Amino acid sequence: QVQLVESGGGVVQAGGSLRLSCVDSGSRSSINIMGWYRQTPGNQRELVATSDRSGEKTDYADSVKGRFTISRDIAKNTVYLQMNSLKPVDTAVYYCYGRNWGNEYWGQGTQVTVSS
């Protein structure tokens, strides 16, 4: 049973960095696609970044390209999101995402707040 647990959110000043982590604590094998979405009040959840199991196929939102980096540690069933040069518009609840054989999974979300 897939269980995604995020950590690493918090408050940071504009221009700063944070690293989010998400571990799949329930699976015996790694999920094919893992990544991150984010959501602000009144808006739909939007893609931030995803990665396949190998880490060779990644997808980023245009708004975060060059600033955010997604990576995976297969041995630890963990996906990371390194966020640099953070902006106030990056403030959101960040959700870990997983997809395996057409099934989708979500974490509980972690708040990231970027102050100006």
Protein backbone atom coordinates (compact mmCIF):
# COMPACT_ATOMS: atom_id res chain seq x y z
CA GLN A 1 0.00 0.00 0.00
CA VAL A 2 1.52 3.30 -1.12
CA GLN A 3 1.84 5.91 1.62
CA LEU A 4 3.46 9.20 0.70
CA VAL A 5 4.79 11.33 3.54
CA GLU A 6 6.24 14.77 2.87
CA SER A 7 8.63 16.83 4.95
CA GLY A 8 10.75 19.93 4.57
CA GLY A 9 8.23 22.73 4.18
CA GLY A 10 8.50 25.97 6.08
CA VAL A 11 8.97 29.70 5.87
CA VAL A 12 11.84 31.22 3.91
CA GLN A 13 12.71 34.66 2.61
CA ALA A 14 12.62 35.44 -1.08
CA GLY A 15 15.81 34.26 -2.74
CA GLY A 16 16.26 31.47 -0.25
CA SER A 17 16.17 27.70 -0.64
CA LEU A 18 14.24 24.75 0.73
CA ARG A 19 14.37 21.03 0.06
CA LEU A 20 11.23 18.95 0.21
CA SER A 21 11.34 15.22 0.75
CA CYS A 22 8.70 12.59 0.19
CA VAL A 23 9.05 8.98 1.18
CA ASP A 24 6.83 6.14 0.10
CA SER A 25 6.67 4.27 3.37
CA GLY A 26 4.21 1.61 2.27
CA SER A 27 5.56 0.05 -0.92
CA ARG A 28 8.06 -2.74 -1.34
CA SER A 29 9.19 -1.42 -4.71
CA SER A 30 9.59 2.09 -6.04
CA ILE A 31 6.73 3.87 -7.74
CA ASN A 32 7.19 4.51 -11.46
CA ILE A 33 6.38 8.23 -11.48
CA MET A 34 6.90 10.48 -8.47
CA GLY A 35 6.79 14.20 -8.23
CA TRP A 36 5.31 17.34 -6.79
CA TYR A 37 2.25 19.45 -7.32
CA ARG A 38 1.26 22.65 -5.51
CA GLN A 39 -1.95 24.44 -4.72
CA THR A 40 -2.94 27.89 -3.50
CA PRO A 41 -6.35 28.82 -2.08
CA GLY A 42 -9.03 29.05 -4.74
CA ASN A 43 -6.84 27.51 -7.43
CA GLN A 44 -6.42 24.08 -8.93
CA ARG A 45 -3.51 21.90 -8.05
CA GLU A 46 -0.72 22.44 -10.57
CA LEU A 47 2.27 20.42 -11.66
CA VAL A 48 5.63 21.46 -10.28
CA ALA A 49 7.88 18.57 -11.34
CA THR A 50 7.80 14.83 -11.95
CA SER A 51 10.41 12.17 -12.52
CA ASP A 52 10.37 8.59 -13.69
CA ARG A 53 12.07 5.87 -11.69
CA SER A 54 15.40 6.30 -13.47
CA GLY A 55 15.46 10.07 -13.05
CA GLU A 56 16.18 10.44 -16.76
CA LYS A 57 12.69 11.59 -17.68
CA THR A 58 11.70 14.71 -15.82
CA ASP A 59 9.03 17.31 -16.38
CA TYR A 60 8.96 20.79 -14.90
CA ALA A 61 6.49 23.64 -14.87
CA ASP A 62 7.86 26.55 -16.88
CA SER A 63 7.65 28.76 -13.82
CA VAL A 64 10.18 26.67 -11.88
CA LYS A 65 12.62 25.63 -14.61
CA GLY A 66 16.16 26.58 -13.71
CA ARG A 67 15.26 27.09 -10.04
CA PHE A 68 13.85 23.75 -8.88
CA THR A 69 15.41 20.32 -9.25
CA ILE A 70 13.68 16.99 -8.73
CA SER A 71 15.65 13.89 -7.82
CA ARG A 72 14.99 10.38 -6.59
CA ASP A 73 16.69 7.94 -4.30
CA ILE A 74 15.28 4.58 -5.37
CA ALA A 75 16.89 2.68 -2.51
CA LYS A 76 15.10 4.95 -0.04
CA ASN A 77 11.83 5.17 -2.00
CA THR A 78 12.20 8.93 -1.75
CA VAL A 79 11.74 11.87 -4.07
CA TYR A 80 13.24 15.28 -3.39
CA LEU A 81 12.52 18.76 -4.62
CA GLN A 82 15.37 21.22 -4.26
CA MET A 83 13.92 24.71 -4.51
CA ASN A 84 16.33 27.62 -5.04
CA SER A 85 15.79 31.31 -5.70
CA LEU A 86 12.36 31.08 -4.14
CA LYS A 87 9.81 33.77 -4.88
CA PRO A 88 6.67 34.84 -3.01
CA VAL A 89 4.61 33.36 -5.87
CA ASP A 90 6.01 29.94 -4.94
CA THR A 91 4.02 30.10 -1.71
CA ALA A 92 1.64 27.14 -1.71
CA VAL A 93 0.87 23.77 -0.22
CA TYR A 94 3.12 21.27 -1.94
CA TYR A 95 1.82 17.75 -2.47
CA CYS A 96 3.84 14.68 -3.18
CA TYR A 97 2.47 12.68 -6.10
CA GLY A 98 2.92 9.11 -7.23
CA ARG A 99 1.61 7.14 -10.19
CA ASN A 100 1.91 3.43 -10.77
CA TRP A 101 0.01 1.37 -13.35
CA GLY A 102 -2.64 4.06 -13.71
CA ASN A 103 -3.17 4.46 -9.98
CA GLU A 104 -2.48 7.87 -8.48
CA TYR A 105 -1.41 8.65 -4.94
CA TRP A 106 -1.07 11.85 -2.94
CA GLY A 107 0.66 12.93 0.22
CA GLN A 108 -0.99 15.08 2.85
CA GLY A 109 0.77 18.25 1.73
CA THR A 110 3.38 20.53 3.25
CA GLN A 111 3.18 24.32 3.43
CA VAL A 112 5.86 26.44 1.80
CA THR A 113 5.73 30.15 2.52
CA VAL A 114 8.10 32.61 0.85
CA SER A 115 8.17 36.05 2.41
CA SER A 116 9.14 39.17 0.48
